[in-house]
Amino acid sequence: MSSSHTSLATTCLAAGLFLSGCQFGSTPETPAQPFFFRALKLEQRDRLGQPSWALQSPEARYDLGRRVAQARDLQGQLFNRGQLRYRLNATAGTVLNDGEIVQLEGQIKLESYGNNPFTIRARRGRWFPNRNLLELDYRPIATQRNLQLTANRLRFLIDQDKLELRGRPELQRSGENALKLEVRSADWFAAKGDLMALGPVVGVRSLANKKEQRLTSPSLTGNSIAQKLLLAAPVRLVDTEKGAVLNALETTVDVGQELIVSALPFNGSMKQARISGGGFQLHSRTQTAIVTSACFLQQPTDSIGANRCFWNWQTNQVKARGDVTLKRQANQQLTRAKQIDGRLGDDGLVVFTSPGGRVNTQLRLPAKSKSPAPSPARQQKPPIEL
């Protein structure tokens, strides 16, 4: 972007001052006094005459010798091909070299325009208008809908719509069931929403009962407009309170729906129990975990297989649905049903009971000891079917 010369001398006219009041020199005996303006306005246009950026303040103090202006309530506009793209506000600012650098202080806010707006807030920063660069520190926060991104330092390459987050970057889903993911570095292309972060990814998932779960992954990608983050395999979710571990492959975090989901095989454990399946869903809003296919639960004394399994971690209710097979070691009992319910106990084991529908049960009774040899007509009976 080419730059045209911007002079604060012309601002004197805009402020309604006499030209004779804008003196650019001083006598050796008397130091130059700063100018006070009722209004400050700087702007720049590109080669086609379209606006590139503009900066206004209702009051400014200008040191002519140092070419430094101190202003309050700064308001800036950033354009792309003549179209307004961003609005910038700051409590106070120092304009150096007639707009070459603008140091921002206080409450700093950058807002985008368009169908998918986002906001950046910070307390200190530097704006380089001619370089299309905004640098912010003191952990600025970028927000788009329910997704927040923060870091110690943020560089916004304005003409590329690219945010570079460095220094302990965090991605966070706001709300009651918050999810915070720490990464090593993150790049966010805000206009399209594309997000890339280098790991390791270390996450904390907050539950409604004030408990937390830990999540890890090597890296992540995602899109802030779609409000989805894709965790690279292997993904590991740990609930220390319940003694539960989930090992998964590529996993999606749906920020808007407060959902963690994978359509790939997984396995896990909870104290004495082992579980596996063809995919899973963790719904924060309903506090429900779903094994979406090929559900299998192995416990010390029994096992159950089903098309789908459901677990509400608030009520500890467990449901198995579709081609359910329950095997118990006692008497080699085998029960088949369309659905079976159960409840998770404090020991991490599920106690299953039939919901009252049609079931088919087989069991094998142990043979009596010291019994006479059976006659050919009294061979060992087959399993009893109920």
Protein backbone atom coordinates (compact mmCIF):
# COMPACT_ATOMS: atom_id res chain seq x y z
CA MET A 1 0.00 0.00 0.00
CA SER A 2 1.48 3.39 -1.01
CA SER A 3 1.36 6.24 1.44
CA SER A 4 0.59 9.88 0.92
CA HIS A 5 2.12 12.56 3.14
CA THR A 6 0.07 13.30 6.27
CA SER A 7 0.74 16.53 8.13
CA LEU A 8 -0.60 17.75 11.43
CA ALA A 9 -0.25 21.29 10.11
CA THR A 10 -3.37 20.76 8.01
CA THR A 11 -5.07 19.54 11.18
CA CYS A 12 -4.80 23.08 12.55
CA LEU A 13 -7.18 24.20 9.82
CA ALA A 14 -9.53 21.31 10.58
CA ALA A 15 -9.48 22.38 14.22
CA GLY A 16 -10.55 25.87 13.29
CA LEU A 17 -7.29 27.59 14.32
CA PHE A 18 -5.64 30.47 12.50
CA LEU A 19 -2.64 29.66 10.39
CA SER A 20 -0.68 32.18 12.36
CA GLY A 21 -1.23 30.01 15.43
CA CYS A 22 0.55 27.03 13.85
CA GLN A 23 4.14 28.17 14.13
CA PHE A 24 6.79 25.54 13.48
CA GLY A 25 9.76 27.27 15.05
CA SER A 26 10.86 28.86 18.32
CA THR A 27 13.31 31.46 19.51
CA PRO A 28 16.45 30.29 21.35
CA GLU A 29 15.23 31.97 24.51
CA THR A 30 11.72 30.47 24.57
CA PRO A 31 11.10 26.69 24.24
CA ALA A 32 8.44 25.69 21.77
CA GLN A 33 5.06 25.29 23.37
CA PRO A 34 2.83 22.34 22.41
CA PHE A 35 -0.28 22.99 20.38
CA PHE A 36 -3.69 22.05 21.71
CA PHE A 37 -6.32 21.05 19.15
CA ARG A 38 -10.05 20.88 19.57
CA ALA A 39 -9.88 17.88 17.25
CA LEU A 40 -7.26 15.68 15.65
CA LYS A 41 -7.79 13.96 12.33
CA LEU A 42 -5.27 11.97 10.33
CA GLU A 43 -6.02 9.97 7.23
CA GLN A 44 -4.25 8.26 4.36
CA ARG A 45 -5.33 7.19 0.88
CA ASP A 46 -3.93 4.69 -1.57
CA ARG A 47 -2.79 5.32 -5.15
CA LEU A 48 -6.37 5.14 -6.39
CA GLY A 49 -7.46 7.77 -3.92
CA GLN A 50 -9.40 5.31 -1.78
CA PRO A 51 -9.12 5.60 2.01
CA SER A 52 -6.58 3.29 3.68
CA TRP A 53 -6.96 4.38 7.29
CA ALA A 54 -8.17 7.28 9.39
CA LEU A 55 -7.62 8.39 12.99
CA GLN A 56 -9.60 10.94 15.01
CA SER A 57 -9.54 12.33 18.54
CA PRO A 58 -11.70 15.04 20.16
CA GLU A 59 -8.65 16.57 21.82
CA ALA A 60 -4.91 16.36 21.22
CA ARG A 61 -1.67 17.97 22.35
CA TYR A 62 1.00 18.27 19.66
CA ASP A 63 4.75 18.80 20.08
CA LEU A 64 5.85 20.25 16.75
CA GLY A 65 9.58 19.74 17.31
CA ARG A 66 9.25 16.08 18.23
CA ARG A 67 6.31 15.45 15.87
CA VAL A 68 4.46 13.75 18.71
CA ALA A 69 0.76 14.08 19.45
CA GLN A 70 -0.89 12.89 22.64
CA ALA A 71 -4.60 12.28 22.25
CA ARG A 72 -7.53 10.86 24.17
CA ASP A 73 -10.54 8.83 23.06
CA LEU A 74 -8.87 7.71 19.86
CA GLN A 75 -11.11 6.39 17.10
CA GLY A 76 -9.63 4.74 14.04
CA GLN A 77 -10.96 3.19 10.85
CA LEU A 78 -9.14 0.64 8.71
CA PHE A 79 -10.13 0.10 5.07
CA ASN A 80 -9.54 -2.56 2.44
CA ARG A 81 -9.95 -1.43 -1.18
CA GLY A 82 -11.92 1.53 0.03
CA GLN A 83 -14.32 -0.55 2.14
CA LEU A 84 -14.44 -0.14 5.91
CA ARG A 85 -13.16 -3.38 7.51
CA TYR A 86 -12.26 -2.53 11.12
CA ARG A 87 -13.01 0.04 13.76
CA LEU A 88 -10.34 0.76 16.39
CA ASN A 89 -10.86 2.53 19.74
CA ALA A 90 -8.50 3.33 22.61
CA THR A 91 -8.73 5.37 25.81
CA ALA A 92 -5.53 7.25 25.00
CA GLY A 93 -2.74 7.19 22.48
CA THR A 94 0.51 8.77 21.39
CA VAL A 95 0.91 9.48 17.66
CA LEU A 96 4.58 9.47 16.56
CA ASN A 97 5.96 10.99 13.36
CA ASP A 98 2.56 12.23 12.20
CA GLY A 99 1.02 8.74 12.21
CA GLU A 100 3.95 6.43 11.49
CA ILE A 101 3.40 4.72 14.85
CA VAL A 102 0.43 5.00 17.20
CA GLN A 103 0.97 3.80 20.76
CA LEU A 104 -2.35 2.70 22.27
CA GLU A 105 -3.21 2.57 25.97
CA GLY A 106 -6.18 1.94 28.26
CA GLN A 107 -9.23 0.14 26.92
CA ILE A 108 -8.29 -0.94 23.40
CA LYS A 109 -10.92 -2.51 21.15
CA LEU A 110 -10.79 -3.61 17.52
CA GLU A 111 -14.07 -4.64 15.85
CA SER A 112 -14.48 -6.17 12.42
CA TYR A 113 -17.34 -5.67 9.99
CA GLY A 114 -19.08 -8.35 7.97
CA ASN A 115 -21.23 -11.45 8.37
CA ASN A 116 -18.94 -13.08 10.93
CA PRO A 117 -17.58 -10.24 13.08
CA PHE A 118 -14.94 -10.69 15.75
CA THR A 119 -13.53 -8.47 18.49
CA ILE A 120 -10.05 -7.97 19.95
CA ARG A 121 -9.58 -6.35 23.36
CA ALA A 122 -6.30 -5.32 24.96
CA ARG A 123 -4.69 -2.86 27.39
CA ARG A 124 -1.57 -1.86 25.50
CA GLY A 125 -0.51 -1.94 21.88
CA ARG A 126 1.22 -0.37 18.90
CA TRP A 127 -0.41 0.33 15.58
CA PHE A 128 1.76 0.77 12.46
CA PRO A 129 -0.75 2.14 9.92
CA ASN A 130 1.59 2.14 6.91
CA ARG A 131 2.68 -1.44 7.65
CA ASN A 132 -0.84 -2.80 8.18
CA LEU A 133 0.30 -4.14 11.54
CA LEU A 134 -1.21 -4.08 15.03
CA GLU A 135 0.80 -5.45 17.96
CA LEU A 136 -0.90 -6.05 21.31
CA ASP A 137 0.39 -7.40 24.62
CA TYR A 138 -0.75 -7.90 28.25
CA ARG A 139 -2.77 -10.98 27.15
CA PRO A 140 -5.18 -9.53 24.58
CA ILE A 141 -8.40 -11.47 23.94
CA ALA A 142 -9.88 -12.18 20.50
CA THR A 143 -13.52 -13.32 20.48
CA GLN A 144 -15.80 -14.72 17.79
CA ARG A 145 -19.17 -15.95 19.05
CA ASN A 146 -18.46 -18.56 21.77
CA LEU A 147 -14.76 -18.98 21.00
CA GLN A 148 -12.06 -16.90 22.70
CA LEU A 149 -8.35 -16.79 21.86
CA THR A 150 -5.79 -15.18 24.12
CA ALA A 151 -2.01 -15.05 24.48
CA ASN A 152 0.74 -12.93 26.02
CA ARG A 153 1.35 -11.31 22.63
CA LEU A 154 -0.77 -10.89 19.52
CA ARG A 155 0.32 -9.65 16.08
CA PHE A 156 -2.50 -8.76 13.70
CA LEU A 157 -1.40 -8.61 10.04
CA ILE A 158 -4.30 -6.49 8.92
CA ASP A 159 -4.04 -6.86 5.15
CA GLN A 160 -3.89 -10.68 5.57
CA ASP A 161 -6.61 -10.88 8.24
CA LYS A 162 -4.11 -13.00 10.18
CA LEU A 163 -3.65 -13.11 13.94
CA GLU A 164 -0.45 -14.62 15.34
CA LEU A 165 -0.76 -15.62 19.00
CA ARG A 166 2.47 -16.26 20.89
CA GLY A 167 3.32 -16.74 24.54
CA ARG A 168 1.03 -19.28 26.25
CA PRO A 169 -1.86 -19.12 23.75
CA GLU A 170 -5.22 -20.41 24.97
CA LEU A 171 -8.42 -21.30 23.14
CA GLN A 172 -11.46 -21.20 25.34
CA ARG A 173 -15.15 -21.93 25.00
CA SER A 174 -17.08 -19.50 27.15
CA GLY A 175 -20.17 -20.49 29.12
CA GLU A 176 -21.11 -22.72 32.01
CA ASN A 177 -19.39 -25.85 30.63
CA ALA A 178 -16.14 -24.17 29.70
CA LEU A 179 -13.32 -25.82 27.78
CA LYS A 180 -9.83 -24.30 27.81
CA LEU A 181 -7.07 -25.55 25.50
CA GLU A 182 -3.44 -24.45 25.91
CA VAL A 183 -1.16 -24.67 22.86
CA ARG A 184 2.40 -23.72 21.93
CA SER A 185 1.47 -21.25 19.17
CA ALA A 186 -1.60 -20.41 17.11
CA ASP A 187 -2.36 -18.66 13.80
CA TRP A 188 -5.90 -17.51 13.07
CA PHE A 189 -7.09 -16.23 9.69
CA ALA A 190 -10.03 -14.30 11.04
CA ALA A 191 -11.89 -13.50 7.80
CA LYS A 192 -12.25 -17.16 6.80
CA GLY A 193 -12.08 -18.51 10.35
CA ASP A 194 -9.25 -20.98 9.68
CA LEU A 195 -7.26 -21.80 12.80
CA MET A 196 -4.01 -23.76 13.21
CA ALA A 197 -2.24 -24.47 16.50
CA LEU A 198 0.95 -26.35 17.35
CA GLY A 199 0.96 -28.58 20.38
CA PRO A 200 1.19 -30.19 22.65
CA VAL A 201 -2.46 -29.35 23.30
CA VAL A 202 -3.39 -29.50 26.99
CA GLY A 203 -7.04 -28.91 27.82
CA VAL A 204 -9.22 -28.54 30.88
CA ARG A 205 -12.93 -29.34 30.55
CA SER A 206 -15.08 -27.93 33.35
CA LEU A 207 -18.21 -29.86 34.33
CA ALA A 208 -21.39 -28.60 35.95
CA ASN A 209 -20.43 -30.13 39.33
CA LYS A 210 -17.29 -27.95 39.48
CA LYS A 211 -15.10 -30.93 38.61
CA GLU A 212 -12.59 -30.98 35.77
CA GLN A 213 -11.40 -33.35 33.08
CA ARG A 214 -7.98 -33.22 31.40
CA LEU A 215 -7.56 -33.52 27.63
CA THR A 216 -4.37 -33.87 25.55
CA SER A 217 -3.57 -33.97 21.83
CA PRO A 218 -0.48 -33.35 19.65
CA SER A 219 -2.04 -30.43 17.69
CA LEU A 220 -5.29 -28.97 16.46
CA THR A 221 -6.89 -27.22 13.51
CA GLY A 222 -10.33 -25.72 13.23
CA ASN A 223 -12.61 -22.96 12.07
CA SER A 224 -13.95 -20.21 14.30
CA ILE A 225 -16.90 -19.46 12.00
CA ALA A 226 -18.04 -23.10 12.07
CA GLN A 227 -17.14 -23.09 15.78
CA LYS A 228 -15.35 -26.44 15.46
CA LEU A 229 -11.88 -27.61 16.53
CA LEU A 230 -10.27 -30.80 15.25
CA LEU A 231 -7.88 -32.54 17.70
CA ALA A 232 -5.19 -34.70 16.10
CA ALA A 233 -4.71 -38.31 17.23
CA PRO A 234 -3.97 -39.62 19.75
CA VAL A 235 -6.50 -37.86 21.99
CA ARG A 236 -6.66 -38.69 25.69
CA LEU A 237 -9.35 -37.57 28.14
CA VAL A 238 -8.83 -38.19 31.87
CA ASP A 239 -11.32 -37.78 34.73
CA THR A 240 -9.28 -38.27 37.90
CA GLU A 241 -12.29 -38.08 40.22
CA LYS A 242 -14.05 -41.01 38.55
CA GLY A 243 -10.83 -42.84 37.71
CA ALA A 244 -11.81 -42.74 34.03
CA VAL A 245 -9.58 -42.62 30.94
CA LEU A 246 -10.67 -42.35 27.29
CA ASN A 247 -8.23 -43.01 24.43
CA ALA A 248 -9.42 -41.80 21.03
CA LEU A 249 -8.28 -41.01 17.53
CA GLU A 250 -9.12 -37.79 15.63
CA THR A 251 -11.74 -35.94 17.68
CA THR A 252 -13.90 -32.86 17.00
CA VAL A 253 -14.82 -30.22 19.57
CA ASP A 254 -18.06 -28.47 18.55
CA VAL A 255 -17.81 -25.20 20.46
CA GLY A 256 -21.30 -23.96 19.61
CA GLN A 257 -23.05 -27.22 20.54
CA GLU A 258 -20.79 -27.88 23.57
CA LEU A 259 -20.02 -31.31 22.15
CA ILE A 260 -16.92 -33.53 21.87
CA VAL A 261 -17.35 -36.23 19.21
CA SER A 262 -15.42 -38.85 17.26
CA ALA A 263 -16.64 -41.33 14.63
CA LEU A 264 -13.53 -43.50 14.98
CA PRO A 265 -12.86 -46.48 17.27
CA PHE A 266 -11.88 -45.74 20.87
CA ASN A 267 -11.27 -47.51 24.15
CA GLY A 268 -11.31 -46.48 27.76
CA SER A 269 -11.53 -47.56 31.35
CA MET A 270 -13.25 -46.59 34.59
CA LYS A 271 -11.71 -48.17 37.66
CA GLN A 272 -12.39 -51.92 37.19
CA ALA A 273 -14.40 -51.62 33.95
CA ARG A 274 -13.19 -51.49 30.32
CA ILE A 275 -15.21 -49.97 27.47
CA SER A 276 -14.76 -49.71 23.72
CA GLY A 277 -16.80 -48.65 20.71
CA GLY A 278 -16.90 -47.40 17.16
CA GLY A 279 -17.37 -43.75 18.14
CA PHE A 280 -18.51 -41.51 20.97
CA GLN A 281 -20.22 -38.22 21.83
CA LEU A 282 -19.84 -36.17 25.01
CA HIS A 283 -22.74 -33.71 25.44
CA SER A 284 -21.98 -31.05 28.05
CA ARG A 285 -25.49 -29.56 27.98
CA THR A 286 -27.25 -32.83 28.79
CA GLN A 287 -24.28 -34.29 30.71
CA THR A 288 -24.54 -37.44 28.61
CA ALA A 289 -21.90 -39.72 27.08
CA ILE A 290 -22.95 -41.84 24.08
CA VAL A 291 -21.15 -44.77 22.48
CA THR A 292 -22.54 -44.41 18.97
CA SER A 293 -21.77 -47.91 17.63
CA ALA A 294 -20.34 -51.31 18.64
CA CYS A 295 -20.62 -50.59 22.35
CA PHE A 296 -18.85 -53.14 24.57
CA LEU A 297 -18.39 -52.99 28.35
CA GLN A 298 -16.24 -55.56 30.16
CA GLN A 299 -16.49 -55.88 33.97
CA PRO A 300 -14.96 -58.43 36.38
CA THR A 301 -18.16 -60.50 36.64
CA ASP A 302 -20.04 -59.66 33.46
CA SER A 303 -19.94 -57.98 30.07
CA ILE A 304 -22.46 -56.31 27.82
CA GLY A 305 -22.53 -55.53 24.10
CA ALA A 306 -25.02 -53.32 22.26
CA ASN A 307 -25.45 -51.17 19.20
CA ARG A 308 -25.43 -48.02 21.35
CA CYS A 309 -24.83 -47.14 24.99
CA PHE A 310 -25.80 -44.05 27.00
CA TRP A 311 -24.45 -42.75 30.31
CA ASN A 312 -25.64 -39.68 32.22
CA TRP A 313 -22.73 -38.72 34.47
CA GLN A 314 -24.96 -36.61 36.73
CA THR A 315 -27.57 -39.30 37.52
CA ASN A 316 -25.24 -42.27 36.73
CA GLN A 317 -28.02 -43.92 34.72
CA VAL A 318 -26.75 -46.32 32.03
CA LYS A 319 -28.72 -47.59 29.00
CA ALA A 320 -27.82 -50.22 26.39
CA ARG A 321 -29.88 -50.21 23.21
CA GLY A 322 -30.12 -52.47 20.15
CA ASP A 323 -29.14 -56.18 20.00
CA VAL A 324 -28.11 -56.16 23.64
CA THR A 325 -26.16 -59.18 24.91
CA LEU A 326 -25.46 -59.46 28.64
CA LYS A 327 -23.10 -62.22 29.79
CA ARG A 328 -22.62 -63.10 33.45
CA GLN A 329 -19.98 -65.52 34.69
CA ALA A 330 -22.35 -66.95 37.30
CA ASN A 331 -23.98 -70.01 35.75
CA GLN A 332 -22.70 -68.78 32.36
CA GLN A 333 -25.86 -66.69 32.09
CA LEU A 334 -26.55 -65.14 28.70
CA THR A 335 -29.33 -62.58 28.30
CA ARG A 336 -30.47 -61.07 25.00
CA ALA A 337 -32.80 -58.09 24.70
CA LYS A 338 -33.50 -54.99 22.68
CA GLN A 339 -32.68 -52.78 25.64
CA ILE A 340 -31.29 -53.11 29.15
CA ASP A 341 -30.89 -50.39 31.78
CA GLY A 342 -28.44 -50.09 34.63
CA ARG A 343 -26.78 -47.79 37.09
CA LEU A 344 -23.15 -46.91 37.71
CA GLY A 345 -22.05 -47.47 41.29
CA ASP A 346 -19.37 -45.78 43.37
CA ASP A 347 -17.02 -48.68 42.64
CA GLY A 348 -17.11 -47.85 38.92
CA LEU A 349 -19.17 -50.94 38.04
CA VAL A 350 -22.55 -50.95 36.30
CA VAL A 351 -25.38 -53.04 37.76
CA PHE A 352 -27.78 -53.98 34.94
CA THR A 353 -31.50 -54.69 35.27
CA SER A 354 -34.03 -55.50 32.56
CA PRO A 355 -36.48 -52.68 31.76
CA GLY A 356 -39.35 -55.14 31.60
CA GLY A 357 -39.40 -55.78 27.87
CA ARG A 358 -39.10 -59.15 26.18
CA VAL A 359 -35.80 -60.87 27.01
CA ASN A 360 -34.21 -64.24 26.29
CA THR A 361 -31.99 -65.71 29.00
CA GLN A 362 -29.90 -68.87 29.04
CA LEU A 363 -27.98 -70.23 32.01
CA ARG A 364 -26.09 -73.42 32.81
CA LEU A 365 -26.67 -74.98 36.22
CA PRO A 366 -23.72 -76.82 37.82
CA ALA A 367 -23.98 -80.64 37.93
CA LYS A 368 -24.65 -82.19 41.38
CA SER A 369 -21.63 -83.77 43.04
CA LYS A 370 -21.45 -87.55 43.83
CA SER A 371 -24.40 -88.36 41.61
CA PRO A 372 -24.71 -91.74 39.88
CA ALA A 373 -23.61 -91.94 36.30
CA PRO A 374 -26.38 -90.79 34.03
CA SER A 375 -28.15 -93.34 31.92
CA PRO A 376 -28.17 -92.85 28.17
CA ALA A 377 -31.60 -91.30 28.51
CA ARG A 378 -30.37 -88.88 31.21
CA GLN A 379 -27.45 -87.11 29.61
CA GLN A 380 -26.41 -83.61 30.74
CA LYS A 381 -29.23 -81.15 30.17
CA PRO A 382 -28.78 -78.27 27.77
CA PRO A 383 -28.76 -74.66 29.15
CA ILE A 384 -32.10 -73.59 30.59
CA GLU A 385 -33.75 -70.96 28.41
CA LEU A 386 -36.03 -68.43 30.10
